[in-house]
N, C-alpha and C. Protein backbone atom coordinates (compact mmCIF):
# COMPACT_ATOMS: atom_id res chain seq x y z
N MET A 1 88.34 -55.22 89.80
CA MET A 1 86.95 -55.63 89.76
C MET A 1 86.10 -54.38 89.51
N SER A 2 85.01 -54.53 88.70
CA SER A 2 84.15 -53.39 88.45
C SER A 2 82.69 -53.82 88.51
N ASP A 3 81.79 -52.83 88.74
CA ASP A 3 80.37 -53.13 88.78
C ASP A 3 79.79 -53.03 87.37
N THR A 4 78.46 -53.13 87.25
CA THR A 4 77.82 -53.12 85.94
C THR A 4 77.92 -51.77 85.24
N ASN A 5 78.25 -50.71 85.98
CA ASN A 5 78.41 -49.39 85.38
C ASN A 5 79.86 -49.09 85.04
N GLY A 6 80.75 -50.06 85.19
CA GLY A 6 82.15 -49.86 84.86
C GLY A 6 82.97 -49.21 85.95
N ARG A 7 82.35 -48.97 87.12
CA ARG A 7 83.10 -48.35 88.22
C ARG A 7 83.88 -49.43 88.94
N SER A 8 85.09 -49.08 89.38
CA SER A 8 85.87 -50.05 90.12
C SER A 8 85.26 -50.24 91.50
N THR A 9 85.26 -51.46 91.96
CA THR A 9 84.71 -51.78 93.27
C THR A 9 85.77 -52.51 94.08
N ILE A 10 85.67 -52.40 95.36
CA ILE A 10 86.58 -53.09 96.27
C ILE A 10 85.78 -54.18 96.96
N PRO A 11 86.29 -55.40 96.95
CA PRO A 11 85.56 -56.47 97.64
C PRO A 11 85.32 -56.08 99.10
N SER A 12 84.09 -56.30 99.58
CA SER A 12 83.75 -55.88 100.94
C SER A 12 84.64 -56.54 101.98
N SER A 13 85.20 -57.70 101.68
CA SER A 13 86.06 -58.38 102.66
C SER A 13 87.38 -57.64 102.86
N SER A 14 87.77 -56.77 101.91
CA SER A 14 89.04 -56.07 102.05
C SER A 14 88.87 -54.65 102.61
N ILE A 15 87.64 -54.26 102.96
CA ILE A 15 87.39 -52.93 103.51
C ILE A 15 87.47 -52.99 105.03
N ASP A 16 88.27 -52.11 105.59
CA ASP A 16 88.38 -51.98 107.05
C ASP A 16 87.19 -51.14 107.52
N THR A 17 86.15 -51.80 108.04
CA THR A 17 84.93 -51.07 108.40
C THR A 17 85.16 -50.09 109.55
N LYS A 18 86.10 -50.38 110.42
CA LYS A 18 86.38 -49.45 111.51
C LYS A 18 86.99 -48.15 110.96
N LEU A 19 87.93 -48.29 110.04
CA LEU A 19 88.54 -47.12 109.42
C LEU A 19 87.51 -46.37 108.58
N LEU A 20 86.68 -47.10 107.84
CA LEU A 20 85.63 -46.46 107.04
C LEU A 20 84.67 -45.69 107.95
N ALA A 21 84.30 -46.28 109.07
CA ALA A 21 83.41 -45.59 110.02
C ALA A 21 84.04 -44.31 110.54
N GLN A 22 85.32 -44.35 110.85
CA GLN A 22 86.02 -43.14 111.32
C GLN A 22 86.03 -42.06 110.26
N ARG A 23 86.34 -42.44 109.03
CA ARG A 23 86.38 -41.47 107.93
C ARG A 23 85.00 -40.89 107.65
N LEU A 24 83.98 -41.76 107.65
CA LEU A 24 82.61 -41.32 107.40
C LEU A 24 82.14 -40.35 108.50
N ARG A 25 82.39 -40.69 109.74
CA ARG A 25 82.00 -39.83 110.86
C ARG A 25 82.66 -38.47 110.74
N LEU A 26 83.94 -38.46 110.47
CA LEU A 26 84.67 -37.20 110.36
C LEU A 26 84.16 -36.37 109.18
N ALA A 27 83.94 -37.01 108.04
CA ALA A 27 83.44 -36.29 106.86
C ALA A 27 82.05 -35.72 107.13
N MET A 28 81.19 -36.48 107.79
CA MET A 28 79.84 -35.99 108.09
C MET A 28 79.89 -34.84 109.09
N MET A 29 80.74 -34.93 110.09
CA MET A 29 80.88 -33.84 111.05
C MET A 29 81.37 -32.57 110.36
N ARG A 30 82.37 -32.72 109.51
CA ARG A 30 82.91 -31.55 108.81
C ARG A 30 81.88 -30.94 107.86
N MET A 31 81.13 -31.78 107.16
CA MET A 31 80.10 -31.27 106.25
C MET A 31 79.02 -30.55 107.05
N GLY A 32 78.61 -31.12 108.16
CA GLY A 32 77.62 -30.46 109.01
C GLY A 32 78.12 -29.10 109.50
N ARG A 33 79.35 -29.06 109.93
CA ARG A 33 79.96 -27.81 110.38
C ARG A 33 80.01 -26.80 109.24
N TYR A 34 80.40 -27.26 108.06
CA TYR A 34 80.49 -26.40 106.89
C TYR A 34 79.11 -25.82 106.54
N LEU A 35 78.08 -26.66 106.58
CA LEU A 35 76.72 -26.20 106.30
C LEU A 35 76.25 -25.20 107.34
N ARG A 36 76.55 -25.45 108.60
CA ARG A 36 76.14 -24.53 109.66
C ARG A 36 76.78 -23.16 109.50
N ARG A 37 78.02 -23.13 109.00
CA ARG A 37 78.69 -21.85 108.77
C ARG A 37 78.01 -21.04 107.68
N GLN A 38 77.31 -21.69 106.77
CA GLN A 38 76.61 -21.00 105.69
C GLN A 38 75.28 -20.41 106.17
N ASP A 39 74.84 -20.84 107.34
CA ASP A 39 73.54 -20.45 107.87
C ASP A 39 73.70 -19.28 108.82
N ASP A 40 72.97 -18.22 108.59
CA ASP A 40 73.07 -17.06 109.47
C ASP A 40 72.03 -17.08 110.59
N ALA A 41 71.39 -18.21 110.80
CA ALA A 41 70.35 -18.31 111.83
C ALA A 41 70.94 -18.09 113.22
N THR A 42 70.16 -17.47 114.04
CA THR A 42 70.58 -17.21 115.41
C THR A 42 70.09 -18.29 116.36
N LEU A 43 69.44 -19.31 115.84
CA LEU A 43 68.92 -20.39 116.68
C LEU A 43 69.94 -21.50 116.84
N THR A 44 69.82 -22.23 117.92
CA THR A 44 70.69 -23.38 118.15
C THR A 44 70.23 -24.55 117.30
N LEU A 45 71.08 -25.56 117.18
CA LEU A 45 70.69 -26.78 116.45
C LEU A 45 69.48 -27.44 117.09
N ALA A 46 69.44 -27.45 118.43
CA ALA A 46 68.30 -28.05 119.13
C ALA A 46 67.01 -27.29 118.82
N GLN A 47 67.08 -25.98 118.76
CA GLN A 47 65.89 -25.19 118.44
C GLN A 47 65.45 -25.43 117.00
N LEU A 48 66.40 -25.47 116.08
CA LEU A 48 66.07 -25.73 114.68
C LEU A 48 65.47 -27.12 114.50
N SER A 49 66.03 -28.09 115.20
CA SER A 49 65.52 -29.45 115.12
C SER A 49 64.10 -29.54 115.67
N THR A 50 63.85 -28.83 116.76
CA THR A 50 62.51 -28.81 117.36
C THR A 50 61.50 -28.22 116.38
N LEU A 51 61.87 -27.13 115.73
CA LEU A 51 60.98 -26.53 114.73
C LEU A 51 60.71 -27.51 113.58
N ALA A 52 61.75 -28.18 113.11
CA ALA A 52 61.60 -29.12 112.01
C ALA A 52 60.70 -30.29 112.41
N THR A 53 60.82 -30.74 113.63
CA THR A 53 59.96 -31.83 114.11
C THR A 53 58.51 -31.39 114.14
N LEU A 54 58.25 -30.19 114.63
CA LEU A 54 56.88 -29.69 114.67
C LEU A 54 56.34 -29.47 113.26
N GLU A 55 57.18 -29.02 112.35
CA GLU A 55 56.76 -28.84 110.97
C GLU A 55 56.38 -30.17 110.35
N SER A 56 57.13 -31.20 110.67
CA SER A 56 56.89 -32.52 110.10
C SER A 56 55.73 -33.26 110.75
N CYS A 57 55.67 -33.19 112.08
CA CYS A 57 54.71 -34.02 112.83
C CYS A 57 53.42 -33.31 113.19
N GLY A 58 53.42 -31.99 113.13
CA GLY A 58 52.24 -31.25 113.56
C GLY A 58 52.28 -31.04 115.07
N PRO A 59 51.19 -30.51 115.63
CA PRO A 59 51.16 -30.21 117.06
C PRO A 59 51.44 -31.45 117.93
N LEU A 60 52.31 -31.26 118.93
CA LEU A 60 52.68 -32.34 119.85
C LEU A 60 52.64 -31.82 121.27
N THR A 61 52.46 -32.73 122.22
CA THR A 61 52.60 -32.35 123.61
C THR A 61 54.08 -32.17 123.90
N LEU A 62 54.39 -31.52 125.02
CA LEU A 62 55.80 -31.36 125.39
C LEU A 62 56.48 -32.71 125.55
N GLY A 63 55.78 -33.68 126.13
CA GLY A 63 56.34 -35.01 126.31
C GLY A 63 56.63 -35.70 124.99
N GLU A 64 55.69 -35.60 124.05
CA GLU A 64 55.88 -36.20 122.73
C GLU A 64 57.05 -35.53 122.01
N LEU A 65 57.13 -34.22 122.13
CA LEU A 65 58.19 -33.48 121.48
C LEU A 65 59.55 -33.82 122.11
N ALA A 66 59.59 -33.93 123.43
CA ALA A 66 60.83 -34.30 124.11
C ALA A 66 61.28 -35.69 123.67
N GLU A 67 60.33 -36.60 123.56
CA GLU A 67 60.66 -37.97 123.13
C GLU A 67 61.17 -37.97 121.69
N ALA A 68 60.50 -37.23 120.82
CA ALA A 68 60.92 -37.16 119.41
C ALA A 68 62.32 -36.57 119.28
N GLU A 69 62.64 -35.61 120.13
CA GLU A 69 63.94 -34.95 120.07
C GLU A 69 64.99 -35.62 120.96
N ARG A 70 64.54 -36.62 121.70
CA ARG A 70 65.42 -37.39 122.59
C ARG A 70 66.11 -36.51 123.63
N VAL A 71 65.30 -35.67 124.26
CA VAL A 71 65.78 -34.85 125.37
C VAL A 71 64.83 -35.03 126.55
N GLN A 72 65.26 -34.58 127.70
CA GLN A 72 64.43 -34.65 128.90
C GLN A 72 63.36 -33.55 128.84
N SER A 73 62.25 -33.78 129.53
CA SER A 73 61.14 -32.82 129.52
C SER A 73 61.55 -31.41 129.97
N PRO A 74 62.36 -31.26 131.04
CA PRO A 74 62.76 -29.89 131.43
C PRO A 74 63.55 -29.17 130.33
N THR A 75 64.36 -29.92 129.60
CA THR A 75 65.12 -29.34 128.49
C THR A 75 64.17 -28.87 127.40
N MET A 76 63.18 -29.70 127.08
CA MET A 76 62.21 -29.33 126.05
C MET A 76 61.39 -28.14 126.48
N THR A 77 61.03 -28.07 127.74
CA THR A 77 60.27 -26.92 128.24
C THR A 77 61.06 -25.63 128.01
N ARG A 78 62.36 -25.65 128.29
CA ARG A 78 63.19 -24.46 128.08
C ARG A 78 63.27 -24.12 126.58
N LEU A 79 63.44 -25.13 125.74
CA LEU A 79 63.49 -24.89 124.29
C LEU A 79 62.18 -24.26 123.80
N VAL A 80 61.07 -24.83 124.24
CA VAL A 80 59.76 -24.34 123.81
C VAL A 80 59.55 -22.91 124.31
N ASP A 81 59.91 -22.64 125.56
CA ASP A 81 59.77 -21.28 126.10
C ASP A 81 60.52 -20.26 125.25
N LYS A 82 61.75 -20.60 124.86
CA LYS A 82 62.56 -19.68 124.05
C LYS A 82 61.97 -19.49 122.65
N LEU A 83 61.52 -20.58 122.04
CA LEU A 83 60.94 -20.49 120.70
C LEU A 83 59.60 -19.75 120.72
N GLU A 84 58.85 -19.95 121.77
CA GLU A 84 57.57 -19.25 121.91
C GLU A 84 57.81 -17.75 122.13
N ALA A 85 58.83 -17.40 122.89
CA ALA A 85 59.14 -16.00 123.17
C ALA A 85 59.47 -15.21 121.91
N VAL A 86 60.03 -15.87 120.90
CA VAL A 86 60.36 -15.18 119.65
C VAL A 86 59.32 -15.44 118.55
N GLY A 87 58.19 -16.05 118.92
CA GLY A 87 57.07 -16.20 118.00
C GLY A 87 57.18 -17.30 116.97
N LEU A 88 58.06 -18.27 117.19
CA LEU A 88 58.23 -19.34 116.21
C LEU A 88 57.34 -20.54 116.48
N ILE A 89 56.86 -20.67 117.70
CA ILE A 89 55.91 -21.72 118.05
C ILE A 89 54.88 -21.12 119.00
N SER A 90 53.78 -21.83 119.17
CA SER A 90 52.76 -21.40 120.12
C SER A 90 52.19 -22.63 120.82
N ARG A 91 51.61 -22.40 121.96
CA ARG A 91 50.94 -23.47 122.72
C ARG A 91 49.45 -23.36 122.47
N MET A 92 48.79 -24.50 122.47
CA MET A 92 47.34 -24.53 122.25
C MET A 92 46.73 -25.65 123.07
N GLU A 93 45.47 -25.46 123.45
CA GLU A 93 44.76 -26.53 124.16
C GLU A 93 44.45 -27.66 123.20
N ASP A 94 44.48 -28.87 123.72
CA ASP A 94 44.09 -30.03 122.94
C ASP A 94 42.58 -29.98 122.72
N ALA A 95 42.13 -30.28 121.52
CA ALA A 95 40.70 -30.21 121.19
C ALA A 95 39.87 -31.20 122.00
N ASN A 96 40.46 -32.31 122.40
CA ASN A 96 39.71 -33.35 123.11
C ASN A 96 39.88 -33.33 124.62
N ASP A 97 40.92 -32.68 125.11
CA ASP A 97 41.20 -32.68 126.54
C ASP A 97 41.85 -31.35 126.92
N ARG A 98 41.10 -30.48 127.56
CA ARG A 98 41.59 -29.14 127.88
C ARG A 98 42.78 -29.15 128.84
N ARG A 99 43.02 -30.27 129.50
CA ARG A 99 44.18 -30.37 130.40
C ARG A 99 45.48 -30.53 129.62
N VAL A 100 45.38 -30.96 128.39
CA VAL A 100 46.56 -31.23 127.56
C VAL A 100 46.90 -29.99 126.74
N VAL A 101 48.17 -29.64 126.75
CA VAL A 101 48.65 -28.52 125.96
C VAL A 101 49.54 -29.07 124.85
N ARG A 102 49.29 -28.61 123.66
CA ARG A 102 50.10 -29.00 122.51
C ARG A 102 50.91 -27.79 122.03
N VAL A 103 52.01 -28.10 121.39
CA VAL A 103 52.89 -27.07 120.84
C VAL A 103 52.81 -27.19 119.33
N LYS A 104 52.67 -26.05 118.66
CA LYS A 104 52.63 -26.06 117.18
C LYS A 104 53.52 -24.97 116.63
N ILE A 105 53.99 -25.19 115.42
CA ILE A 105 54.84 -24.21 114.75
C ILE A 105 53.95 -23.09 114.22
N THR A 106 54.43 -21.86 114.30
CA THR A 106 53.69 -20.70 113.77
C THR A 106 54.08 -20.48 112.32
N ALA A 107 53.39 -19.56 111.68
CA ALA A 107 53.73 -19.21 110.28
C ALA A 107 55.17 -18.70 110.20
N ALA A 108 55.58 -17.91 111.20
CA ALA A 108 56.96 -17.39 111.21
C ALA A 108 57.96 -18.55 111.37
N GLY A 109 57.63 -19.52 112.20
CA GLY A 109 58.50 -20.67 112.39
C GLY A 109 58.60 -21.50 111.12
N LEU A 110 57.47 -21.69 110.46
CA LEU A 110 57.45 -22.45 109.21
C LEU A 110 58.26 -21.73 108.14
N ASP A 111 58.10 -20.41 108.06
CA ASP A 111 58.88 -19.63 107.10
C ASP A 111 60.38 -19.81 107.34
N LEU A 112 60.79 -19.79 108.61
CA LEU A 112 62.20 -19.93 108.94
C LEU A 112 62.72 -21.31 108.54
N VAL A 113 61.95 -22.36 108.83
CA VAL A 113 62.36 -23.72 108.47
C VAL A 113 62.49 -23.85 106.95
N MET A 114 61.50 -23.34 106.22
CA MET A 114 61.52 -23.47 104.76
C MET A 114 62.66 -22.66 104.15
N GLU A 115 62.90 -21.46 104.65
CA GLU A 115 63.99 -20.62 104.13
C GLU A 115 65.34 -21.27 104.40
N ARG A 116 65.52 -21.78 105.62
CA ARG A 116 66.78 -22.42 105.98
C ARG A 116 67.02 -23.65 105.10
N ARG A 117 65.98 -24.44 104.91
CA ARG A 117 66.09 -25.64 104.07
C ARG A 117 66.44 -25.25 102.64
N SER A 118 65.77 -24.25 102.12
CA SER A 118 66.01 -23.80 100.75
C SER A 118 67.44 -23.30 100.58
N ARG A 119 67.93 -22.51 101.53
CA ARG A 119 69.31 -22.01 101.45
C ARG A 119 70.31 -23.15 101.51
N GLY A 120 70.10 -24.10 102.41
CA GLY A 120 71.02 -25.23 102.53
C GLY A 120 71.03 -26.09 101.28
N ASP A 121 69.84 -26.34 100.72
CA ASP A 121 69.76 -27.14 99.50
C ASP A 121 70.45 -26.44 98.34
N ALA A 122 70.23 -25.12 98.22
CA ALA A 122 70.86 -24.36 97.13
C ALA A 122 72.39 -24.36 97.29
N PHE A 123 72.86 -24.20 98.51
CA PHE A 123 74.30 -24.21 98.75
C PHE A 123 74.90 -25.56 98.37
N LEU A 124 74.26 -26.65 98.82
CA LEU A 124 74.78 -27.98 98.49
C LEU A 124 74.72 -28.25 97.00
N ALA A 125 73.65 -27.83 96.35
CA ALA A 125 73.53 -28.04 94.90
C ALA A 125 74.67 -27.34 94.16
N THR A 126 75.02 -26.15 94.62
CA THR A 126 76.14 -25.43 94.02
C THR A 126 77.44 -26.21 94.21
N GLN A 127 77.65 -26.74 95.40
CA GLN A 127 78.86 -27.51 95.67
C GLN A 127 78.89 -28.78 94.82
N LEU A 128 77.74 -29.44 94.67
CA LEU A 128 77.68 -30.68 93.90
C LEU A 128 77.85 -30.45 92.40
N SER A 129 77.57 -29.25 91.94
CA SER A 129 77.63 -28.97 90.51
C SER A 129 79.03 -29.12 89.92
N VAL A 130 80.05 -29.15 90.75
CA VAL A 130 81.42 -29.30 90.24
C VAL A 130 81.81 -30.78 90.08
N LEU A 131 80.98 -31.68 90.54
CA LEU A 131 81.30 -33.10 90.46
C LEU A 131 80.98 -33.66 89.08
N GLU A 132 81.72 -34.69 88.72
CA GLU A 132 81.47 -35.41 87.47
C GLU A 132 80.19 -36.25 87.62
N PRO A 133 79.51 -36.56 86.50
CA PRO A 133 78.30 -37.38 86.58
C PRO A 133 78.50 -38.70 87.33
N GLU A 134 79.65 -39.34 87.12
CA GLU A 134 79.92 -40.61 87.81
C GLU A 134 80.02 -40.39 89.32
N GLU A 135 80.63 -39.29 89.72
CA GLU A 135 80.75 -38.98 91.15
C GLU A 135 79.38 -38.70 91.75
N LEU A 136 78.54 -38.00 91.01
CA LEU A 136 77.19 -37.73 91.49
C LEU A 136 76.41 -39.02 91.67
N SER A 137 76.60 -39.95 90.75
CA SER A 137 75.92 -41.24 90.85
C SER A 137 76.37 -42.01 92.09
N VAL A 138 77.68 -42.02 92.33
CA VAL A 138 78.22 -42.68 93.51
C VAL A 138 77.67 -42.02 94.79
N LEU A 139 77.63 -40.70 94.79
CA LEU A 139 77.12 -39.97 95.94
C LEU A 139 75.63 -40.26 96.16
N ALA A 140 74.87 -40.31 95.08
CA ALA A 140 73.45 -40.65 95.19
C ALA A 140 73.27 -42.04 95.79
N ASP A 141 74.10 -42.99 95.36
CA ASP A 141 74.05 -44.34 95.93
C ASP A 141 74.38 -44.30 97.42
N ALA A 142 75.38 -43.52 97.79
CA ALA A 142 75.78 -43.42 99.19
C ALA A 142 74.67 -42.82 100.04
N VAL A 143 73.98 -41.82 99.50
CA VAL A 143 72.86 -41.21 100.23
C VAL A 143 71.75 -42.24 100.44
N ASP A 144 71.45 -43.02 99.41
CA ASP A 144 70.45 -44.08 99.56
C ASP A 144 70.83 -45.04 100.70
N ILE A 145 72.08 -45.40 100.75
CA ILE A 145 72.56 -46.32 101.79
C ILE A 145 72.47 -45.68 103.16
N LEU A 146 72.89 -44.42 103.27
CA LEU A 146 72.80 -43.72 104.56
C LEU A 146 71.36 -43.60 105.02
N GLU A 147 70.46 -43.29 104.10
CA GLU A 147 69.04 -43.20 104.46
C GLU A 147 68.51 -44.53 104.97
N ARG A 148 68.91 -45.61 104.32
CA ARG A 148 68.50 -46.95 104.76
C ARG A 148 69.01 -47.25 106.16
N LEU A 149 70.28 -46.90 106.42
CA LEU A 149 70.84 -47.12 107.75
C LEU A 149 70.07 -46.34 108.80
N LEU A 150 69.76 -45.09 108.50
CA LEU A 150 69.01 -44.27 109.45
C LEU A 150 67.60 -44.79 109.65
N GLU A 151 66.94 -45.19 108.58
CA GLU A 151 65.58 -45.73 108.69
C GLU A 151 65.56 -46.99 109.54
N SER A 152 66.59 -47.81 109.45
CA SER A 152 66.62 -49.06 110.21
C SER A 152 66.72 -48.80 111.71
N HIS A 153 67.13 -47.59 112.08
CA HIS A 153 67.22 -47.23 113.50
C HIS A 153 66.16 -46.22 113.89
N GLY A 154 65.18 -45.99 113.00
CA GLY A 154 64.11 -45.05 113.30
C GLY A 154 64.59 -43.61 113.39
N GLU A 155 65.68 -43.30 112.71
CA GLU A 155 66.27 -41.96 112.81
C GLU A 155 66.07 -41.12 111.57
N TYR A 156 65.17 -41.50 110.70
CA TYR A 156 65.02 -40.77 109.45
C TYR A 156 63.55 -40.55 109.19
N GLY A 157 63.20 -39.38 108.72
CA GLY A 157 61.81 -39.21 108.35
C GLY A 157 61.25 -37.83 108.54
N THR A 158 61.82 -36.97 109.40
CA THR A 158 61.25 -35.63 109.50
C THR A 158 61.58 -34.89 108.23
N SER A 159 60.74 -33.95 107.89
CA SER A 159 60.94 -33.25 106.62
C SER A 159 62.23 -32.47 106.58
N GLU A 160 62.70 -31.99 107.70
CA GLU A 160 63.99 -31.28 107.71
C GLU A 160 65.10 -32.23 107.30
N GLU A 161 65.00 -33.48 107.75
CA GLU A 161 66.04 -34.44 107.43
C GLU A 161 65.90 -34.94 106.00
N SER A 162 64.69 -35.29 105.62
CA SER A 162 64.53 -35.93 104.32
C SER A 162 64.30 -34.94 103.19
N GLY A 163 63.51 -33.94 103.42
CA GLY A 163 63.21 -32.97 102.37
C GLY A 163 62.35 -33.58 101.28
N GLU A 164 61.63 -32.76 100.57
CA GLU A 164 60.75 -33.24 99.52
C GLU A 164 61.56 -33.86 98.39
N GLY A 165 61.13 -35.04 97.97
CA GLY A 165 61.77 -35.68 96.83
C GLY A 165 63.06 -36.40 97.15
N ALA A 166 63.38 -36.57 98.43
CA ALA A 166 64.66 -37.16 98.77
C ALA A 166 64.81 -38.57 98.24
N SER A 167 63.74 -39.33 98.18
CA SER A 167 63.86 -40.70 97.72
C SER A 167 63.81 -40.82 96.20
N ASN A 168 63.71 -39.71 95.50
CA ASN A 168 63.59 -39.73 94.05
C ASN A 168 64.88 -39.37 93.33
N VAL A 169 66.01 -39.36 94.02
CA VAL A 169 67.25 -38.92 93.41
C VAL A 169 67.60 -39.76 92.18
N HIS A 170 67.44 -41.07 92.27
CA HIS A 170 67.79 -41.92 91.14
C HIS A 170 66.66 -42.11 90.15
N ARG A 171 65.48 -41.72 90.52
CA ARG A 171 64.33 -42.00 89.67
C ARG A 171 63.85 -40.77 88.90
N GLY A 172 64.65 -39.69 88.94
CA GLY A 172 64.27 -38.53 88.15
C GLY A 172 63.17 -37.70 88.78
N GLY A 173 62.94 -37.86 90.10
CA GLY A 173 61.91 -37.08 90.79
C GLY A 173 62.41 -35.72 91.18
N ALA A 174 61.72 -35.13 92.18
CA ALA A 174 62.02 -33.76 92.59
C ALA A 174 63.47 -33.57 92.99
N GLY A 175 64.10 -34.62 93.48
CA GLY A 175 65.49 -34.48 93.91
C GLY A 175 66.49 -34.95 92.88
N SER A 176 66.08 -35.15 91.65
CA SER A 176 67.00 -35.71 90.66
C SER A 176 68.05 -34.70 90.22
N ARG A 177 69.11 -35.24 89.65
CA ARG A 177 70.22 -34.40 89.18
C ARG A 177 69.85 -33.76 87.86
């Protein structure tokens, strides 16, 4: 059986979704590990994620940031303290309520997020350059599906995760091949 592009397809009834889930999880874990090895950052994944959230969402209270990162408030306080100590974020009073403190990313923090994103994208683009056009198309379709799955669970949308042009892969936009 083949699709309209001539690629062979397997009827969904014959796919073992449990086995597929295991393979997908393992492949994603290995790819994440591989990407992390390419990164010389001295920050933890939690710290990098916190910076990316602040870059995407703008200034947040500690509670809002903890909720966005799905950690407890004491954990977020420790993360923020460490990031503030190295100048990647700063605390500021809320414009409407002086009792509220917001956390925002600094220029140095933004530079780090953008540099890390750029390096990761360049590394992946180099790896993808060895694939055949048909393989790239299949991979682009798979990314669309993964994004949809994440969006359905409210797990997709920060700029670190999506990156500029992420939804334009098939439409010839900023992320096109």
